[in-house]
């Protein structure tokens, strides 16, 4: 049985593109205690999440992932409030950042941990657009305060790399390891 170690509805939706039947188990590791370089953090967290679930499901295949947004060498997490969301989106406006998703596939026979990086180029965002987007509530459960799938708000000019990676699960790469 496949187990996705994530409560993210986006990851669940994306995994369904590859696997029809899987269970959800949420890891209980304290992510705030893990310190790592920006481009290494997501892979480390995905492995820790997978190992946490594997302890109780050693006959299953565990899939875990973690996504971070890196801008100017700094990690932008999930905003805690509207003010923080506005600040993040303003910072990303008219600039490029990278979305790094680390994923782990763990079973009794293998442990694969990889990272995928996608470059995201934002449009020049007006304060009005940012405020309207924040009012939807969408920024609050997403690293970097935005969702690439929120197409009704023209935040993104272009990407280089995987669209699905920016959503939180690089299914093109993951498919090779399942």
N, C-alpha and C. Protein backbone atom coordinates (compact mmCIF):
# COMPACT_ATOMS: atom_id res chain seq x y z
N UNK A 1 0.83 -1.18 0.00
CA UNK A 1 0.00 0.00 0.00
C UNK A 1 0.88 1.25 0.00
N UNK A 2 0.49 2.23 -0.77
CA UNK A 2 1.17 3.52 -0.76
C UNK A 2 0.56 4.40 0.33
N UNK A 3 1.42 5.14 1.01
CA UNK A 3 0.97 6.10 2.01
C UNK A 3 1.60 7.45 1.70
N UNK A 4 0.77 8.47 1.59
CA UNK A 4 1.25 9.83 1.41
C UNK A 4 1.34 10.48 2.78
N UNK A 5 2.53 10.91 3.14
CA UNK A 5 2.76 11.54 4.45
C UNK A 5 2.53 13.04 4.34
N UNK A 6 1.28 13.41 4.06
CA UNK A 6 0.97 14.82 3.88
C UNK A 6 -0.53 15.05 4.01
N UNK A 7 -0.88 16.16 4.65
CA UNK A 7 -2.30 16.56 4.70
C UNK A 7 -2.64 17.55 3.60
N UNK A 8 -1.66 17.92 2.78
CA UNK A 8 -1.87 18.91 1.72
C UNK A 8 -2.87 18.40 0.68
N UNK A 9 -3.98 19.12 0.48
CA UNK A 9 -4.93 18.71 -0.56
C UNK A 9 -4.32 18.76 -1.95
N UNK A 10 -3.38 19.68 -2.17
CA UNK A 10 -2.73 19.76 -3.49
C UNK A 10 -1.87 18.52 -3.74
N UNK A 11 -1.12 18.09 -2.74
CA UNK A 11 -0.30 16.88 -2.93
C UNK A 11 -1.18 15.65 -3.14
N UNK A 12 -2.28 15.58 -2.43
CA UNK A 12 -3.20 14.46 -2.62
C UNK A 12 -3.75 14.45 -4.04
N UNK A 13 -4.14 15.61 -4.52
CA UNK A 13 -4.66 15.76 -5.88
C UNK A 13 -3.61 15.35 -6.91
N UNK A 14 -2.38 15.77 -6.70
CA UNK A 14 -1.31 15.46 -7.66
C UNK A 14 -0.94 13.99 -7.63
N UNK A 15 -0.88 13.39 -6.44
CA UNK A 15 -0.52 11.97 -6.37
C UNK A 15 -1.57 11.11 -7.07
N UNK A 16 -2.82 11.54 -7.07
CA UNK A 16 -3.87 10.80 -7.78
C UNK A 16 -3.62 10.73 -9.28
N UNK A 17 -2.79 11.63 -9.80
CA UNK A 17 -2.42 11.56 -11.21
C UNK A 17 -1.51 10.37 -11.49
N UNK A 18 -0.87 9.85 -10.44
CA UNK A 18 0.06 8.72 -10.59
C UNK A 18 -0.46 7.42 -9.97
N UNK A 19 -1.17 7.53 -8.86
CA UNK A 19 -1.62 6.36 -8.10
C UNK A 19 -3.08 6.54 -7.73
N UNK A 20 -3.88 5.52 -7.98
CA UNK A 20 -5.30 5.60 -7.65
C UNK A 20 -5.60 5.32 -6.19
N UNK A 21 -4.83 4.41 -5.59
CA UNK A 21 -5.16 3.94 -4.26
C UNK A 21 -4.01 4.21 -3.29
N UNK A 22 -4.22 5.13 -2.37
CA UNK A 22 -3.22 5.40 -1.33
C UNK A 22 -3.92 5.92 -0.09
N UNK A 23 -3.23 5.80 1.03
CA UNK A 23 -3.75 6.31 2.31
C UNK A 23 -3.00 7.59 2.67
N UNK A 24 -3.58 8.33 3.57
CA UNK A 24 -2.96 9.55 4.09
C UNK A 24 -2.58 9.32 5.54
N UNK A 25 -1.36 9.61 5.90
CA UNK A 25 -0.89 9.60 7.29
C UNK A 25 -0.06 10.87 7.45
N UNK A 26 -0.36 11.65 8.45
CA UNK A 26 0.35 12.92 8.64
C UNK A 26 1.47 12.74 9.65
N UNK A 27 2.65 13.16 9.25
CA UNK A 27 3.82 13.12 10.12
C UNK A 27 3.68 14.16 11.23
N UNK A 28 4.27 13.86 12.36
CA UNK A 28 4.20 14.79 13.49
C UNK A 28 5.56 15.32 13.90
N UNK A 29 6.48 15.41 12.93
CA UNK A 29 7.78 15.99 13.27
C UNK A 29 7.63 17.50 13.44
N UNK A 30 8.47 18.08 14.26
CA UNK A 30 8.45 19.52 14.49
C UNK A 30 9.41 20.16 13.49
N UNK A 31 8.85 20.64 12.39
CA UNK A 31 9.67 21.21 11.31
C UNK A 31 10.45 22.43 11.76
N UNK A 32 9.95 23.15 12.74
CA UNK A 32 10.61 24.38 13.19
C UNK A 32 11.96 24.11 13.85
N UNK A 33 12.18 22.87 14.27
CA UNK A 33 13.42 22.52 14.95
C UNK A 33 14.54 22.12 13.99
N UNK A 34 14.21 21.98 12.71
CA UNK A 34 15.18 21.52 11.72
C UNK A 34 15.86 22.73 11.08
N UNK A 35 17.16 22.77 11.20
CA UNK A 35 17.94 23.87 10.60
C UNK A 35 18.80 23.29 9.47
N UNK A 36 18.72 23.93 8.32
CA UNK A 36 19.49 23.49 7.16
C UNK A 36 19.59 24.63 6.17
N UNK A 37 20.47 24.48 5.21
CA UNK A 37 20.60 25.48 4.14
C UNK A 37 19.32 25.48 3.29
N UNK A 38 18.97 26.63 2.71
CA UNK A 38 17.71 26.73 1.97
C UNK A 38 17.49 25.65 0.91
N UNK A 39 18.52 25.29 0.16
CA UNK A 39 18.34 24.31 -0.91
C UNK A 39 18.40 22.87 -0.43
N UNK A 40 18.67 22.65 0.85
CA UNK A 40 18.74 21.30 1.41
C UNK A 40 17.55 20.99 2.32
N UNK A 41 16.90 22.03 2.83
CA UNK A 41 15.87 21.86 3.85
C UNK A 41 14.73 20.97 3.42
N UNK A 42 14.18 21.17 2.23
CA UNK A 42 13.00 20.41 1.82
C UNK A 42 13.30 18.91 1.69
N UNK A 43 14.47 18.55 1.22
CA UNK A 43 14.82 17.13 1.11
C UNK A 43 14.98 16.52 2.50
N UNK A 44 15.62 17.25 3.40
CA UNK A 44 15.79 16.75 4.78
C UNK A 44 14.42 16.55 5.44
N UNK A 45 13.53 17.54 5.29
CA UNK A 45 12.21 17.42 5.91
C UNK A 45 11.40 16.28 5.30
N UNK A 46 11.49 16.10 3.99
CA UNK A 46 10.73 15.01 3.36
C UNK A 46 11.21 13.66 3.89
N UNK A 47 12.50 13.51 4.07
CA UNK A 47 13.03 12.24 4.59
C UNK A 47 12.59 12.01 6.04
N UNK A 48 12.65 13.04 6.86
CA UNK A 48 12.21 12.92 8.25
C UNK A 48 10.73 12.56 8.34
N UNK A 49 9.91 13.17 7.50
CA UNK A 49 8.48 12.86 7.48
C UNK A 49 8.25 11.40 7.08
N UNK A 50 8.95 10.96 6.03
CA UNK A 50 8.79 9.58 5.58
C UNK A 50 9.22 8.60 6.66
N UNK A 51 10.35 8.86 7.31
CA UNK A 51 10.84 7.97 8.37
C UNK A 51 9.87 7.92 9.55
N UNK A 52 9.26 9.07 9.87
CA UNK A 52 8.30 9.13 10.97
C UNK A 52 7.11 8.21 10.70
N UNK A 53 6.59 8.21 9.50
CA UNK A 53 5.45 7.36 9.15
C UNK A 53 5.88 5.90 8.97
N UNK A 54 7.08 5.68 8.44
CA UNK A 54 7.56 4.32 8.18
C UNK A 54 7.68 3.50 9.46
N UNK A 55 7.96 4.15 10.58
CA UNK A 55 8.08 3.44 11.86
C UNK A 55 6.85 2.59 12.14
N UNK A 56 5.69 3.03 11.68
CA UNK A 56 4.43 2.34 11.95
C UNK A 56 3.86 1.59 10.75
N UNK A 57 4.53 1.72 9.60
CA UNK A 57 4.02 1.11 8.36
C UNK A 57 5.19 0.53 7.55
N UNK A 58 5.90 -0.41 8.11
CA UNK A 58 7.12 -0.91 7.49
C UNK A 58 6.89 -1.84 6.30
N UNK A 59 5.66 -2.23 6.04
CA UNK A 59 5.36 -3.05 4.87
C UNK A 59 4.84 -2.20 3.71
N UNK A 60 4.75 -0.91 3.91
CA UNK A 60 4.17 -0.02 2.91
C UNK A 60 5.24 0.84 2.23
N UNK A 61 4.82 1.57 1.21
CA UNK A 61 5.69 2.51 0.52
C UNK A 61 5.24 3.91 0.92
N UNK A 62 6.15 4.63 1.54
CA UNK A 62 5.83 5.96 2.05
C UNK A 62 6.32 7.01 1.05
N UNK A 63 5.47 7.98 0.77
CA UNK A 63 5.83 9.11 -0.09
C UNK A 63 5.66 10.37 0.76
N UNK A 64 6.73 11.14 0.87
CA UNK A 64 6.67 12.38 1.63
C UNK A 64 7.29 13.49 0.80
N UNK A 65 6.86 14.70 1.07
CA UNK A 65 7.40 15.85 0.33
C UNK A 65 7.36 17.09 1.21
N UNK A 66 8.20 18.05 0.86
CA UNK A 66 8.19 19.34 1.51
C UNK A 66 8.63 20.37 0.48
N UNK A 67 8.02 21.54 0.52
CA UNK A 67 8.31 22.58 -0.47
C UNK A 67 8.71 23.86 0.24
N UNK A 68 9.76 24.49 -0.27
CA UNK A 68 10.17 25.80 0.23
C UNK A 68 10.32 26.75 -0.96
N UNK A 69 10.10 28.02 -0.66
CA UNK A 69 10.32 29.08 -1.64
C UNK A 69 11.59 29.81 -1.22
N UNK A 70 12.54 29.92 -2.16
CA UNK A 70 13.81 30.58 -1.87
C UNK A 70 13.91 31.84 -2.72
N UNK A 71 14.08 32.97 -2.03
CA UNK A 71 14.22 34.25 -2.71
C UNK A 71 15.42 34.98 -2.13
N UNK A 72 16.36 35.33 -2.98
CA UNK A 72 17.60 36.00 -2.55
C UNK A 72 18.29 35.26 -1.41
N UNK A 73 18.30 33.93 -1.49
CA UNK A 73 18.98 33.10 -0.50
C UNK A 73 18.22 32.88 0.79
N UNK A 74 17.01 33.42 0.90
CA UNK A 74 16.20 33.26 2.10
C UNK A 74 14.97 32.41 1.83
N UNK A 75 14.56 31.65 2.83
CA UNK A 75 13.36 30.83 2.72
C UNK A 75 12.14 31.67 3.09
N UNK A 76 11.14 31.62 2.22
CA UNK A 76 9.85 32.24 2.53
C UNK A 76 8.88 31.12 2.87
N UNK A 77 8.44 31.08 4.10
CA UNK A 77 7.51 30.04 4.54
C UNK A 77 6.07 30.42 4.29
N UNK A 78 5.19 29.86 5.08
CA UNK A 78 3.76 30.18 5.00
C UNK A 78 3.51 31.42 5.85
N UNK A 79 2.83 32.40 5.28
CA UNK A 79 2.57 33.62 6.06
C UNK A 79 1.62 33.36 7.22
N UNK A 80 1.87 34.04 8.31
CA UNK A 80 1.03 33.87 9.51
C UNK A 80 -0.18 34.81 9.51
N UNK A 81 -0.11 35.88 8.73
CA UNK A 81 -1.20 36.86 8.72
C UNK A 81 -1.15 37.65 7.40
N UNK A 82 -2.11 38.55 7.25
CA UNK A 82 -2.21 39.34 6.01
C UNK A 82 -1.00 40.23 5.79
N UNK A 83 -0.51 40.81 6.86
CA UNK A 83 0.65 41.70 6.76
C UNK A 83 1.87 40.94 6.23
N UNK A 84 2.09 39.75 6.76
CA UNK A 84 3.22 38.93 6.32
C UNK A 84 3.02 38.47 4.88
N UNK A 85 1.80 38.11 4.50
CA UNK A 85 1.52 37.70 3.12
C UNK A 85 1.79 38.85 2.16
N UNK A 86 1.34 40.04 2.53
CA UNK A 86 1.57 41.22 1.68
C UNK A 86 3.07 41.45 1.50
N UNK A 87 3.82 41.40 2.59
CA UNK A 87 5.27 41.62 2.53
C UNK A 87 5.94 40.60 1.60
N UNK A 88 5.57 39.32 1.72
CA UNK A 88 6.16 38.28 0.86
C UNK A 88 5.84 38.53 -0.61
N UNK A 89 4.58 38.78 -0.90
CA UNK A 89 4.18 38.97 -2.30
C UNK A 89 4.82 40.23 -2.89
N UNK A 90 4.94 41.27 -2.09
CA UNK A 90 5.60 42.49 -2.55
C UNK A 90 7.08 42.21 -2.85
N UNK A 91 7.70 41.39 -2.01
CA UNK A 91 9.11 41.03 -2.20
C UNK A 91 9.31 40.22 -3.48
N UNK A 92 8.36 39.34 -3.78
CA UNK A 92 8.46 38.50 -4.98
C UNK A 92 8.09 39.25 -6.26
N UNK A 93 7.36 40.34 -6.12
CA UNK A 93 6.88 41.10 -7.26
C UNK A 93 8.01 41.52 -8.20
N UNK A 94 7.77 41.27 -9.51
CA UNK A 94 8.71 41.67 -10.56
C UNK A 94 10.11 41.08 -10.37
N UNK A 95 10.17 39.88 -9.83
CA UNK A 95 11.46 39.24 -9.55
C UNK A 95 11.34 37.74 -9.78
N UNK A 96 12.48 37.07 -9.71
CA UNK A 96 12.54 35.62 -9.85
C UNK A 96 12.84 35.01 -8.49
N UNK A 97 12.23 33.85 -8.22
CA UNK A 97 12.57 33.07 -7.04
C UNK A 97 12.56 31.60 -7.45
N UNK A 98 12.96 30.75 -6.54
CA UNK A 98 12.98 29.32 -6.83
C UNK A 98 12.12 28.56 -5.84
N UNK A 99 11.41 27.59 -6.37
CA UNK A 99 10.62 26.69 -5.54
C UNK A 99 11.36 25.36 -5.52
N UNK A 100 11.68 24.91 -4.30
CA UNK A 100 12.43 23.67 -4.12
C UNK A 100 11.52 22.68 -3.40
N UNK A 101 11.21 21.58 -4.07
CA UNK A 101 10.45 20.52 -3.42
C UNK A 101 11.34 19.31 -3.28
N UNK A 102 11.48 18.88 -2.04
CA UNK A 102 12.18 17.63 -1.76
C UNK A 102 11.14 16.54 -1.59
N UNK A 103 11.42 15.37 -2.12
CA UNK A 103 10.51 14.24 -1.90
C UNK A 103 11.30 13.00 -1.55
N UNK A 104 10.65 12.12 -0.79
CA UNK A 104 11.25 10.85 -0.39
C UNK A 104 10.27 9.73 -0.68
N UNK A 105 10.80 8.64 -1.24
CA UNK A 105 10.05 7.40 -1.40
C UNK A 105 10.79 6.38 -0.54
N UNK A 106 10.09 5.87 0.47
CA UNK A 106 10.72 4.98 1.45
C UNK A 106 9.92 3.70 1.59
N UNK A 107 10.64 2.57 1.45
CA UNK A 107 10.05 1.25 1.68
C UNK A 107 11.12 0.40 2.33
N UNK A 108 10.78 -0.85 2.63
CA UNK A 108 11.78 -1.72 3.24
C UNK A 108 12.94 -2.01 2.29
N UNK A 109 12.71 -1.80 0.99
CA UNK A 109 13.73 -2.11 -0.02
C UNK A 109 14.52 -0.90 -0.53
N UNK A 110 13.98 0.31 -0.33
CA UNK A 110 14.68 1.47 -0.88
C UNK A 110 14.33 2.75 -0.13
N UNK A 111 15.23 3.69 -0.27
CA UNK A 111 14.98 5.04 0.22
C UNK A 111 15.58 6.00 -0.80
N UNK A 112 14.71 6.71 -1.48
CA UNK A 112 15.12 7.68 -2.49
C UNK A 112 14.71 9.06 -1.98
N UNK A 113 15.66 9.98 -1.93
CA UNK A 113 15.34 11.36 -1.58
C UNK A 113 15.94 12.26 -2.66
N UNK A 114 15.11 13.10 -3.24
CA UNK A 114 15.52 13.98 -4.33
C UNK A 114 14.93 15.37 -4.09
N UNK A 115 15.54 16.35 -4.76
CA UNK A 115 15.00 17.71 -4.78
C UNK A 115 14.83 18.15 -6.23
N UNK A 116 13.78 18.92 -6.46
CA UNK A 116 13.50 19.47 -7.78
C UNK A 116 13.35 20.99 -7.60
N UNK A 117 13.98 21.74 -8.50
CA UNK A 117 13.95 23.20 -8.42
C UNK A 117 13.26 23.76 -9.66
N UNK A 118 12.33 24.67 -9.43
CA UNK A 118 11.65 25.39 -10.51
C UNK A 118 11.85 26.88 -10.30
N UNK A 119 12.24 27.57 -11.36
CA UNK A 119 12.38 29.03 -11.30
C UNK A 119 11.03 29.65 -11.64
N UNK A 120 10.61 30.61 -10.81
CA UNK A 120 9.32 31.28 -11.00
C UNK A 120 9.58 32.78 -11.13
N UNK A 121 9.03 33.36 -12.18
CA UNK A 121 9.19 34.79 -12.46
C UNK A 121 7.83 35.46 -12.25
N UNK A 122 7.79 36.40 -11.31
CA UNK A 122 6.55 37.10 -11.00
C UNK A 122 6.36 38.33 -11.87
N UNK A 123 5.11 38.64 -12.13
CA UNK A 123 4.75 39.91 -12.73
C UNK A 123 4.99 41.03 -11.71
N UNK A 124 4.92 42.26 -12.19
CA UNK A 124 4.97 43.41 -11.30
C UNK A 124 3.58 43.53 -10.67
N UNK A 125 3.46 43.25 -9.38
CA UNK A 125 2.16 43.19 -8.71
C UNK A 125 1.80 44.53 -8.08
N UNK A 126 0.59 44.98 -8.34
CA UNK A 126 0.12 46.21 -7.70
C UNK A 126 -0.34 45.88 -6.28
N UNK A 127 -0.36 46.89 -5.43
CA UNK A 127 -0.84 46.70 -4.06
C UNK A 127 -2.29 46.23 -4.08
N UNK A 128 -3.09 46.75 -5.01
CA UNK A 128 -4.50 46.36 -5.12
C UNK A 128 -4.63 44.87 -5.44
N UNK A 129 -3.86 44.39 -6.40
CA UNK A 129 -3.90 42.97 -6.76
C UNK A 129 -3.49 42.10 -5.57
N UNK A 130 -2.43 42.49 -4.91
CA UNK A 130 -1.96 41.73 -3.75
C UNK A 130 -3.05 41.67 -2.68
N UNK A 131 -3.66 42.80 -2.38
CA UNK A 131 -4.71 42.84 -1.35
C UNK A 131 -5.93 42.01 -1.74
N UNK A 132 -6.32 42.07 -3.00
CA UNK A 132 -7.47 41.25 -3.46
C UNK A 132 -7.13 39.76 -3.34
N UNK A 133 -5.90 39.40 -3.68
CA UNK A 133 -5.48 38.00 -3.58
C UNK A 133 -5.46 37.54 -2.12
N UNK A 134 -4.95 38.37 -1.25
CA UNK A 134 -4.91 38.02 0.17
C UNK A 134 -6.32 37.81 0.71
N UNK A 135 -7.27 38.62 0.26
CA UNK A 135 -8.66 38.51 0.73
C UNK A 135 -9.30 37.17 0.38
N UNK A 136 -8.74 36.45 -0.61
CA UNK A 136 -9.29 35.12 -0.95
C UNK A 136 -8.92 34.08 0.10
N UNK A 137 -7.89 34.37 0.92
CA UNK A 137 -7.43 33.41 1.92
C UNK A 137 -6.43 32.40 1.37
N UNK A 138 -6.24 32.38 0.08
CA UNK A 138 -5.35 31.40 -0.55
C UNK A 138 -3.89 31.46 -0.07
N UNK A 139 -3.33 32.63 0.22
CA UNK A 139 -1.90 32.68 0.58
C UNK A 139 -1.53 31.99 1.88
N UNK A 140 -2.48 31.75 2.77
CA UNK A 140 -2.13 31.38 4.13
C UNK A 140 -1.69 29.94 4.36
N UNK A 141 -1.91 29.06 3.43
CA UNK A 141 -1.43 27.69 3.63
C UNK A 141 -0.38 27.32 2.58
N UNK A 142 0.30 28.33 2.04
CA UNK A 142 1.26 28.09 0.96
C UNK A 142 2.59 28.80 1.22
N UNK A 143 3.67 28.09 1.01
CA UNK A 143 5.00 28.70 1.09
C UNK A 143 5.08 29.82 0.08
N UNK A 144 5.63 30.95 0.49
CA UNK A 144 5.76 32.09 -0.40
C UNK A 144 4.48 32.88 -0.58
N UNK A 145 3.41 32.45 0.07
CA UNK A 145 2.12 33.16 0.09
C UNK A 145 1.36 33.14 -1.23
N UNK A 146 1.60 32.12 -2.07
CA UNK A 146 0.83 32.06 -3.32
C UNK A 146 0.71 30.62 -3.80
N UNK A 147 -0.29 30.41 -4.65
CA UNK A 147 -0.47 29.12 -5.31
C UNK A 147 -0.42 29.32 -6.81
N UNK A 148 0.42 28.56 -7.47
CA UNK A 148 0.56 28.68 -8.93
C UNK A 148 -0.76 28.32 -9.62
N UNK A 149 -1.58 27.53 -8.97
CA UNK A 149 -2.85 27.10 -9.56
C UNK A 149 -3.93 28.16 -9.47
N UNK A 150 -3.67 29.26 -8.76
CA UNK A 150 -4.64 30.35 -8.62
C UNK A 150 -4.59 31.25 -9.86
N UNK A 151 -5.07 30.74 -10.97
CA UNK A 151 -4.91 31.40 -12.26
C UNK A 151 -5.72 32.68 -12.43
N UNK A 152 -6.76 32.88 -11.61
CA UNK A 152 -7.56 34.09 -11.77
C UNK A 152 -6.82 35.34 -11.29
N UNK A 153 -5.67 35.14 -10.65
CA UNK A 153 -4.84 36.26 -10.21
C UNK A 153 -3.51 36.19 -10.97
N UNK A 154 -3.21 37.17 -11.81
CA UNK A 154 -2.02 37.11 -12.67
C UNK A 154 -0.72 37.44 -11.91
N UNK A 155 -0.32 36.52 -11.07
CA UNK A 155 0.89 36.72 -10.28
C UNK A 155 2.15 36.36 -11.07
N UNK A 156 2.07 35.30 -11.85
CA UNK A 156 3.26 34.69 -12.45
C UNK A 156 3.36 35.01 -13.93
N UNK A 157 4.55 35.49 -14.32
CA UNK A 157 4.83 35.78 -15.73
C UNK A 157 5.23 34.50 -16.46
N UNK A 158 6.16 33.72 -15.87
CA UNK A 158 6.59 32.46 -16.49
C UNK A 158 7.31 31.61 -15.46
N UNK A 159 7.46 30.33 -15.80
CA UNK A 159 8.25 29.42 -14.97
C UNK A 159 9.25 28.68 -15.86
N UNK A 160 10.32 28.25 -15.24
CA UNK A 160 11.28 27.37 -15.90
C UNK A 160 11.38 26.12 -15.04
N UNK A 161 10.79 25.04 -15.53
CA UNK A 161 10.78 23.80 -14.75
C UNK A 161 9.37 23.26 -14.62
N UNK A 162 9.15 22.49 -13.56
CA UNK A 162 7.91 21.77 -13.36
C UNK A 162 6.83 22.61 -12.70
N UNK A 163 5.69 22.74 -13.36
CA UNK A 163 4.50 23.39 -12.79
C UNK A 163 4.08 22.65 -11.53
N UNK A 164 4.05 21.31 -11.60
CA UNK A 164 3.59 20.50 -10.46
C UNK A 164 4.52 20.64 -9.26
N UNK A 165 5.79 20.87 -9.52
CA UNK A 165 6.74 21.09 -8.43
C UNK A 165 6.34 22.32 -7.61
N UNK A 166 5.92 23.37 -8.30
CA UNK A 166 5.51 24.59 -7.62
C UNK A 166 4.23 24.34 -6.81
N UNK A 167 3.37 23.45 -7.27
CA UNK A 167 2.17 23.08 -6.52
C UNK A 167 2.52 22.24 -5.28
N UNK A 168 3.69 21.60 -5.29
CA UNK A 168 4.10 20.86 -4.10
C UNK A 168 4.49 19.41 -4.29
N UNK A 169 4.42 18.89 -5.52
CA UNK A 169 4.82 17.50 -5.75
C UNK A 169 5.27 17.34 -7.20
N UNK A 170 6.57 17.19 -7.42
CA UNK A 170 7.09 17.08 -8.81
C UNK A 170 6.79 15.70 -9.39
N UNK A 171 5.57 15.54 -9.90
CA UNK A 171 5.13 14.21 -10.30
C UNK A 171 5.94 13.63 -11.46
N UNK A 172 6.50 14.48 -12.30
CA UNK A 172 7.31 13.96 -13.42
C UNK A 172 8.52 13.20 -12.87
N UNK A 173 9.18 13.75 -11.88
CA UNK A 173 10.35 13.11 -11.27
C UNK A 173 9.92 11.95 -10.35
N UNK A 174 8.87 12.17 -9.57
CA UNK A 174 8.39 11.14 -8.65
C UNK A 174 8.00 9.87 -9.39
N UNK A 175 7.40 10.02 -10.56
CA UNK A 175 6.94 8.87 -11.35
C UNK A 175 8.08 7.90 -11.65
N UNK A 176 9.27 8.42 -11.84
CA UNK A 176 10.43 7.57 -12.14
C UNK A 176 10.81 6.66 -10.97
N UNK A 177 10.44 7.04 -9.75
CA UNK A 177 10.90 6.31 -8.57
C UNK A 177 9.81 5.44 -7.94
N UNK A 178 8.61 5.49 -8.50
CA UNK A 178 7.53 4.66 -7.94
C UNK A 178 7.45 3.31 -8.64
